[in-house]
């Protein structure tokens, strides 16, 4: 079987790229298609595959400024020739599903998120964009939304990385989706016998992550906070940080692993579609203090794996930290590790293989594909995953 993996861009190793790695394990002979590619910033596992890039790769500065090329991305994706492939797996967020699949191919889309900057986070992204983007987005966004919805019909089966994303697929694309949590290499993390007197905030330093809340809260409380990550927010965060805030920048995995294992708790103040770092913290035996929205509702269980706060404000975060410190002794590394195992790499690969096999069987049997069925928007749930932890708008769940 000839397999193609389509990923929006390969310029770093974050959660989406970890999914690509898992797909590479499942299909070691697969070809990879991506808009732009920086070979020096991806893993050896990905580099072993044949990688095809779009014409955007030839534009000077595209690797660093790929996000500014959003208006050209539909043309670039549709320029990929996938006519010789039997199975196409798109890793969608940026976009990726907009390729043109051949009639004989099965197209399974693993959706990290419908494009946030076009849909539910549109106004937030626009307000934090530069002048040119703020002026252009109102003209471009309606056209891109139309293209985004139309290309959802090119997908035979949607797989969502959380119930939060499943709801948004139903809302914006009117398509059903199977919920399968992304792979976390939980076995790479181990608890530490010692705890140090600091909290940790780790991830890309961009506005929606709301690291500014953590910096302001811990400055006001005069408590130690270590921040790992890089991004355009770094300089601004340093300006508002007090003497108890330490910035490590882009740290190697060994440093991240050590800090996760020795911190008092991970601070997670942004709304994520899923959020891999909290699971890595739990695998390290450490609890999480998270904003109670999005994927955190599916990974952070109060009094078991962490504490949730309801408002994205400095005061709410401070209250959550103080509340955590009153019950800190309740969080046991063994319990946290056991909880993290529910998001393991094995659960992802076995679940994804079952979904793909089912969809291939549908095609072989000649039955109608999902985008041809008059099916209601419902959720499917892989039995190996967590139970639903929050009420969702779609009240039907298929086991």
Protein backbone atom coordinates (compact mmCIF):
# COMPACT_ATOMS: atom_id res chain seq x y z
CA UNK A 1 0.00 0.00 0.00
CA UNK A 2 1.40 3.39 -1.02
CA UNK A 3 1.04 5.85 1.85
CA UNK A 4 1.44 9.63 1.98
CA UNK A 5 1.59 11.69 5.19
CA UNK A 6 0.67 15.36 4.75
CA UNK A 7 1.73 17.81 7.48
CA UNK A 8 1.23 21.57 7.35
CA UNK A 9 4.90 22.55 7.93
CA UNK A 10 7.98 20.89 9.38
CA UNK A 11 10.07 23.60 11.01
CA UNK A 12 10.17 22.43 14.65
CA UNK A 13 9.41 19.45 16.88
CA UNK A 14 6.19 20.12 18.78
CA UNK A 15 3.02 18.12 19.38
CA UNK A 16 1.98 17.93 15.73
CA UNK A 17 5.40 16.68 14.69
CA UNK A 18 5.26 13.99 17.40
CA UNK A 19 2.11 12.73 15.67
CA UNK A 20 4.02 12.65 12.37
CA UNK A 21 6.74 10.60 14.09
CA UNK A 22 4.14 8.10 15.30
CA UNK A 23 2.68 7.85 11.79
CA UNK A 24 6.20 7.28 10.46
CA UNK A 25 6.53 4.35 12.89
CA UNK A 26 3.26 2.93 11.61
CA UNK A 27 4.20 3.39 7.95
CA UNK A 28 8.02 3.34 7.63
CA UNK A 29 7.86 3.52 3.82
CA UNK A 30 5.47 6.50 3.67
CA UNK A 31 6.34 9.70 1.82
CA UNK A 32 5.83 13.04 3.57
CA UNK A 33 4.39 16.17 1.97
CA UNK A 34 4.71 19.55 3.68
CA UNK A 35 4.49 23.23 2.75
CA UNK A 36 7.94 24.18 4.07
CA UNK A 37 10.69 22.05 5.60
CA UNK A 38 13.69 22.81 7.82
CA UNK A 39 15.63 19.55 7.96
CA UNK A 40 17.86 20.81 10.77
CA UNK A 41 14.94 21.29 13.18
CA UNK A 42 13.17 17.94 12.89
CA UNK A 43 13.99 14.49 14.22
CA UNK A 44 16.09 11.84 12.52
CA UNK A 45 12.98 9.66 12.29
CA UNK A 46 11.30 12.23 10.02
CA UNK A 47 14.50 12.90 8.05
CA UNK A 48 14.69 9.22 7.09
CA UNK A 49 11.54 9.63 4.98
CA UNK A 50 11.34 11.16 1.54
CA UNK A 51 9.97 14.68 2.09
CA UNK A 52 8.28 16.66 -0.69
CA UNK A 53 7.88 20.43 -0.25
CA UNK A 54 5.64 22.93 -2.02
CA UNK A 55 6.66 25.91 -4.13
CA UNK A 56 6.58 27.99 -0.93
CA UNK A 57 9.92 26.42 0.01
CA UNK A 58 11.58 28.37 -2.83
CA UNK A 59 10.39 31.77 -1.59
CA UNK A 60 13.23 33.57 0.24
CA UNK A 61 12.61 33.62 3.99
CA UNK A 62 9.71 31.15 3.78
CA UNK A 63 11.04 28.82 6.47
CA UNK A 64 11.08 31.60 9.06
CA UNK A 65 8.10 33.58 7.79
CA UNK A 66 5.82 30.76 6.61
CA UNK A 67 2.83 32.07 8.58
CA UNK A 68 2.73 35.24 6.47
CA UNK A 69 2.21 33.06 3.39
CA UNK A 70 -1.26 31.91 4.50
CA UNK A 71 -3.04 33.27 1.36
CA UNK A 72 -0.80 31.06 -0.82
CA UNK A 73 -1.22 27.88 1.19
CA UNK A 74 -4.37 26.61 -0.58
CA UNK A 75 -2.58 26.86 -3.95
CA UNK A 76 0.51 25.16 -2.53
CA UNK A 77 -1.42 22.24 -1.02
CA UNK A 78 -3.44 21.65 -4.16
CA UNK A 79 -0.24 21.59 -6.22
CA UNK A 80 0.87 18.32 -4.59
CA UNK A 81 0.48 15.35 -6.93
CA UNK A 82 -0.87 12.48 -4.79
CA UNK A 83 -2.28 10.45 -7.66
CA UNK A 84 -0.17 7.36 -6.97
CA UNK A 85 -1.10 6.90 -3.30
CA UNK A 86 -3.66 4.51 -1.81
CA UNK A 87 -3.79 5.99 1.70
CA UNK A 88 -3.35 9.66 2.60
CA UNK A 89 -3.10 10.72 6.25
CA UNK A 90 -3.23 14.46 6.76
CA UNK A 91 -2.08 16.03 10.01
CA UNK A 92 -4.32 19.09 10.12
CA UNK A 93 -3.94 22.38 11.93
CA UNK A 94 -2.31 24.77 9.65
CA UNK A 95 -3.88 23.64 7.04
CA UNK A 96 -3.06 20.21 5.55
CA UNK A 97 -6.32 18.50 4.60
CA UNK A 98 -6.69 20.75 1.53
CA UNK A 99 -4.75 18.41 -0.74
CA UNK A 100 -6.60 16.88 -3.70
CA UNK A 101 -6.86 13.13 -3.06
CA UNK A 102 -7.20 10.80 -6.06
CA UNK A 103 -10.51 8.92 -6.41
CA UNK A 104 -9.05 5.56 -5.38
CA UNK A 105 -7.35 6.87 -2.23
CA UNK A 106 -8.62 6.84 1.34
CA UNK A 107 -8.04 10.17 3.09
CA UNK A 108 -7.95 10.10 6.90
CA UNK A 109 -7.42 13.45 8.61
CA UNK A 110 -5.97 13.61 12.12
CA UNK A 111 -7.15 17.06 13.19
CA UNK A 112 -5.23 18.88 15.91
CA UNK A 113 -7.56 21.84 15.38
CA UNK A 114 -9.55 23.62 12.69
CA UNK A 115 -7.46 26.69 11.85
CA UNK A 116 -7.76 28.79 15.01
CA UNK A 117 -6.86 32.05 13.28
CA UNK A 118 -9.82 31.67 10.91
CA UNK A 119 -12.41 30.40 13.37
CA UNK A 120 -12.83 30.64 17.15
CA UNK A 121 -9.56 32.55 17.83
CA UNK A 122 -9.88 34.86 14.81
CA UNK A 123 -10.44 38.07 16.76
CA UNK A 124 -7.70 37.25 19.27
CA UNK A 125 -5.15 36.56 16.54
CA UNK A 126 -6.13 39.67 14.59
CA UNK A 127 -5.84 41.92 17.64
CA UNK A 128 -2.30 40.62 18.29
CA UNK A 129 -1.17 40.74 14.65
CA UNK A 130 0.90 43.41 12.94
CA UNK A 131 -0.67 46.32 11.11
CA UNK A 132 -0.53 44.69 7.66
CA UNK A 133 -2.17 41.47 8.90
CA UNK A 134 -4.89 43.40 10.75
CA UNK A 135 -5.75 45.22 7.53
CA UNK A 136 -5.62 42.17 5.25
CA UNK A 137 -7.29 39.50 7.39
CA UNK A 138 -10.87 40.85 7.11
CA UNK A 139 -10.58 40.63 3.32
CA UNK A 140 -8.83 37.25 3.14
CA UNK A 141 -10.48 35.36 6.00
CA UNK A 142 -13.95 34.87 4.38
CA UNK A 143 -12.36 33.35 1.26
CA UNK A 144 -10.09 31.11 3.33
CA UNK A 145 -13.00 29.97 5.51
CA UNK A 146 -14.97 28.97 2.43
CA UNK A 147 -11.99 27.01 1.12
CA UNK A 148 -11.46 25.41 4.54
CA UNK A 149 -15.08 24.20 4.76
CA UNK A 150 -15.14 22.99 1.15
CA UNK A 151 -11.95 20.97 1.58
CA UNK A 152 -13.43 19.18 4.60
CA UNK A 153 -15.48 17.25 2.02
CA UNK A 154 -12.22 15.81 0.63
CA UNK A 155 -11.73 13.89 3.88
CA UNK A 156 -13.16 10.38 4.23
CA UNK A 157 -12.68 10.16 8.00
CA UNK A 158 -11.92 12.82 10.60
CA UNK A 159 -10.02 11.91 13.77
CA UNK A 160 -9.94 14.61 16.49
CA UNK A 161 -7.23 14.91 19.12
CA UNK A 162 -9.78 15.76 21.85
CA UNK A 163 -13.50 16.13 22.45
CA UNK A 164 -12.90 19.89 22.39
CA UNK A 165 -11.64 19.65 18.80
CA UNK A 166 -14.37 17.14 17.90
CA UNK A 167 -16.97 19.73 18.86
CA UNK A 168 -15.30 22.36 16.68
CA UNK A 169 -15.11 19.99 13.69
CA UNK A 170 -18.84 19.46 14.09
CA UNK A 171 -19.49 23.18 14.45
CA UNK A 172 -17.43 24.46 11.52
CA UNK A 173 -17.31 21.51 9.10
CA UNK A 174 -20.57 19.72 10.07
CA UNK A 175 -18.70 16.43 10.04
CA UNK A 176 -18.49 13.59 12.57
CA UNK A 177 -15.13 12.76 14.11
CA UNK A 178 -13.50 9.99 16.09
CA UNK A 179 -11.73 11.15 19.27
CA UNK A 180 -8.22 9.74 19.68
CA UNK A 181 -5.77 11.48 21.99
CA UNK A 182 -2.33 12.30 20.51
CA UNK A 183 0.73 10.22 21.41
CA UNK A 184 2.81 11.22 24.42
CA UNK A 185 6.11 9.44 25.04
CA UNK A 186 5.26 9.00 28.70
CA UNK A 187 7.99 6.39 29.20
CA UNK A 188 10.62 9.05 28.47
CA UNK A 189 9.78 10.79 31.75
CA UNK A 190 10.46 9.65 35.30
CA UNK A 191 9.74 11.19 38.72
CA UNK A 192 12.55 12.68 40.78
CA UNK A 193 13.24 11.81 44.40
CA UNK A 194 13.74 15.50 45.19
CA UNK A 195 11.52 18.55 44.80
CA UNK A 196 12.79 22.07 44.34
CA UNK A 197 11.03 25.28 45.31
CA UNK A 198 9.93 26.47 41.88
CA UNK A 199 6.98 26.19 39.49
CA UNK A 200 7.41 25.58 35.77
CA UNK A 201 5.84 27.06 32.64
CA UNK A 202 6.97 25.48 29.35
CA UNK A 203 5.95 25.94 25.74
CA UNK A 204 6.04 28.32 22.81
CA UNK A 205 5.93 31.94 23.96
CA UNK A 206 3.04 33.22 21.84
CA UNK A 207 0.04 35.31 22.95
CA UNK A 208 -2.63 32.60 23.22
CA UNK A 209 -0.48 30.55 25.61
CA UNK A 210 -1.03 33.35 28.19
CA UNK A 211 2.37 32.91 29.83
CA UNK A 212 1.99 36.59 30.79
CA UNK A 213 -0.56 35.53 33.43
CA UNK A 214 1.97 33.20 35.04
CA UNK A 215 4.76 35.80 34.98
CA UNK A 216 2.54 38.46 36.54
CA UNK A 217 1.06 36.11 39.14
CA UNK A 218 4.38 34.72 40.35
CA UNK A 219 5.97 38.16 40.35
CA UNK A 220 3.16 39.40 42.57
CA UNK A 221 3.37 36.35 44.86
CA UNK A 222 7.19 36.57 45.00
CA UNK A 223 7.40 32.85 44.15
CA UNK A 224 9.92 31.16 41.89
CA UNK A 225 8.83 30.45 38.31
CA UNK A 226 11.02 28.90 35.59
CA UNK A 227 9.93 29.60 32.00
CA UNK A 228 11.16 27.32 29.21
CA UNK A 229 10.46 28.28 25.62
CA UNK A 230 11.06 30.83 22.89
CA UNK A 231 8.83 33.05 20.79
CA UNK A 232 7.86 36.62 20.00
CA UNK A 233 6.49 37.20 23.52
CA UNK A 234 9.86 36.61 25.21
CA UNK A 235 11.07 40.23 25.32
CA UNK A 236 7.72 41.51 26.57
CA UNK A 237 7.58 38.85 29.28
CA UNK A 238 11.06 39.77 30.48
CA UNK A 239 9.98 43.40 30.83
CA UNK A 240 7.11 42.54 33.21
CA UNK A 241 8.97 39.84 35.14
CA UNK A 242 10.20 40.28 38.69
CA UNK A 243 13.39 38.84 40.22
CA UNK A 244 11.77 35.45 40.99
CA UNK A 245 11.17 34.67 37.29
CA UNK A 246 13.88 32.74 35.40
CA UNK A 247 13.87 32.40 31.60
CA UNK A 248 15.79 29.46 30.14
CA UNK A 249 14.85 30.02 26.49
CA UNK A 250 14.82 27.04 24.16
CA UNK A 251 16.12 24.24 26.40
CA UNK A 252 17.25 20.74 25.35
CA UNK A 253 15.06 17.79 26.24
CA UNK A 254 17.33 16.79 29.12
CA UNK A 255 16.74 20.15 30.83
CA UNK A 256 12.97 20.04 30.23
CA UNK A 257 12.83 16.51 31.63
CA UNK A 258 14.78 17.50 34.75
CA UNK A 259 12.67 20.61 35.39
CA UNK A 260 9.40 18.71 34.91
CA UNK A 261 10.46 16.12 37.45
CA UNK A 262 11.74 18.56 40.09
CA UNK A 263 9.17 21.39 39.95
CA UNK A 264 6.35 21.77 42.46
CA UNK A 265 3.79 21.91 39.63
CA UNK A 266 3.42 22.83 35.97
CA UNK A 267 1.56 26.09 35.28
CA UNK A 268 -0.62 25.87 32.15
CA UNK A 269 -2.58 29.14 31.73
CA UNK A 270 -3.58 28.95 28.04
CA UNK A 271 -6.44 27.20 26.25
CA UNK A 272 -5.11 24.32 24.19
CA UNK A 273 -6.83 21.87 21.87
CA UNK A 274 -5.17 19.08 23.85
CA UNK A 275 -1.88 20.05 25.51
CA UNK A 276 0.97 17.53 25.61
CA UNK A 277 3.19 19.25 28.20
CA UNK A 278 0.67 18.67 31.05
CA UNK A 279 0.71 14.93 30.32
CA UNK A 280 4.52 15.00 30.28
CA UNK A 281 4.42 16.67 33.70
CA UNK A 282 2.10 13.96 35.02
CA UNK A 283 4.39 11.27 33.59
CA UNK A 284 7.15 12.99 35.60
CA UNK A 285 5.05 12.61 38.74
CA UNK A 286 4.14 16.29 38.99
CA UNK A 287 0.65 17.86 39.08
CA UNK A 288 -0.67 20.61 36.81
CA UNK A 289 -2.35 23.93 37.56
CA UNK A 290 -4.32 24.70 34.38
CA UNK A 291 -6.94 27.00 32.97
CA UNK A 292 -10.11 24.91 32.92
CA UNK A 293 -10.95 25.03 29.23
CA UNK A 294 -10.18 23.07 26.07
CA UNK A 295 -8.00 19.99 26.27
CA UNK A 296 -7.10 20.55 29.94
CA UNK A 297 -10.59 19.39 30.87
CA UNK A 298 -9.70 15.98 29.42
CA UNK A 299 -6.27 15.55 31.02
CA UNK A 300 -6.32 17.44 34.33
CA UNK A 301 -8.61 15.73 36.85
CA UNK A 302 -9.07 17.88 39.98
CA UNK A 303 -7.46 16.42 43.12
CA UNK A 304 -5.98 13.55 41.06
CA UNK A 305 -3.72 15.10 38.45
CA UNK A 306 -3.97 18.80 39.22
CA UNK A 307 -6.04 21.92 39.86
CA UNK A 308 -8.19 23.91 37.43
CA UNK A 309 -9.01 27.64 37.53
CA UNK A 310 -12.03 29.09 35.74
CA UNK A 311 -10.93 32.55 34.54
CA UNK A 312 -7.87 33.63 32.57
CA UNK A 313 -6.89 36.30 35.07
CA UNK A 314 -3.91 36.87 37.35
CA UNK A 315 -6.15 36.81 40.42
CA UNK A 316 -7.72 33.47 39.44
CA UNK A 317 -4.29 31.92 38.87
CA UNK A 318 -2.99 33.19 42.22
CA UNK A 319 -6.04 31.73 43.96
CA UNK A 320 -5.44 28.38 42.22
CA UNK A 321 -1.76 28.30 43.26
CA UNK A 322 -2.63 29.05 46.88
CA UNK A 323 -5.35 26.41 46.78
CA UNK A 324 -2.91 23.90 45.32
CA UNK A 325 -0.35 24.56 48.05
CA UNK A 326 -2.97 23.76 50.71
CA UNK A 327 -3.47 20.26 49.23
CA UNK A 328 -0.07 19.68 47.59
CA UNK A 329 0.57 16.63 49.76
CA UNK A 330 -2.37 14.78 48.19
CA UNK A 331 -0.74 14.43 44.75
CA UNK A 332 1.17 11.16 44.55
CA UNK A 333 3.72 10.47 41.76
CA UNK A 334 2.47 6.90 41.23
CA UNK A 335 -1.11 8.10 40.70
CA UNK A 336 0.03 10.83 38.31
CA UNK A 337 2.16 8.40 36.30
CA UNK A 338 -0.70 5.91 36.05
CA UNK A 339 -3.00 8.66 34.80
CA UNK A 340 -0.46 9.72 32.16
CA UNK A 341 -0.33 6.17 30.74
CA UNK A 342 -3.83 6.71 29.32
CA UNK A 343 -2.21 8.98 26.70
CA UNK A 344 0.65 6.71 25.68
CA UNK A 345 2.14 6.23 22.23
CA UNK A 346 0.83 2.65 22.13
CA UNK A 347 -2.75 3.77 22.69
CA UNK A 348 -2.44 6.25 19.83
CA UNK A 349 -0.90 3.85 17.31
CA UNK A 350 -3.28 0.98 18.09
CA UNK A 351 -6.28 3.31 17.98
CA UNK A 352 -5.17 4.98 14.76
CA UNK A 353 -4.49 1.64 13.09
CA UNK A 354 -7.98 0.43 14.02
CA UNK A 355 -9.56 3.57 12.53
CA UNK A 356 -7.55 3.33 9.30
CA UNK A 357 -8.28 -0.39 8.91
CA UNK A 358 -11.99 0.28 9.38
CA UNK A 359 -11.99 3.03 6.75
CA UNK A 360 -10.05 0.88 4.28
CA UNK A 361 -12.57 -1.91 4.80
CA UNK A 362 -15.39 0.54 4.05
CA UNK A 363 -13.77 1.39 0.75
CA UNK A 364 -13.09 -2.24 -0.18
CA UNK A 365 -16.70 -3.12 0.59
CA UNK A 366 -17.86 -0.35 -1.72
CA UNK A 367 -20.07 1.25 0.91
CA UNK A 368 -20.60 5.05 0.83
CA UNK A 369 -17.88 7.14 2.45
CA UNK A 370 -18.64 9.34 5.46
CA UNK A 371 -18.84 12.53 3.46
CA UNK A 372 -21.57 10.92 1.36
CA UNK A 373 -23.64 9.66 4.28
CA UNK A 374 -26.51 11.63 5.70
CA UNK A 375 -25.16 11.11 9.21
CA UNK A 376 -25.75 13.42 12.15
CA UNK A 377 -22.77 15.09 13.78
CA UNK A 378 -21.86 12.65 16.53
CA UNK A 379 -18.77 11.59 18.41
CA UNK A 380 -17.11 8.21 18.22
CA UNK A 381 -14.92 7.24 21.18
CA UNK A 382 -12.01 4.84 21.25
CA UNK A 383 -12.59 2.59 24.26
CA UNK A 384 -8.95 2.71 25.32
CA UNK A 385 -9.14 6.45 25.98
CA UNK A 386 -10.34 8.45 28.95
CA UNK A 387 -14.07 8.71 29.61
CA UNK A 388 -15.76 11.98 28.71
CA UNK A 389 -14.96 14.44 31.49
CA UNK A 390 -17.14 17.30 30.35
CA UNK A 391 -20.59 17.64 28.77
CA UNK A 392 -20.34 18.40 25.06
CA UNK A 393 -22.90 19.81 22.62
CA UNK A 394 -23.17 16.48 20.80
CA UNK A 395 -24.86 14.09 23.14
CA UNK A 396 -24.59 10.95 21.04
CA UNK A 397 -21.48 8.80 21.44
CA UNK A 398 -20.80 5.61 19.52
CA UNK A 399 -18.73 2.94 21.30
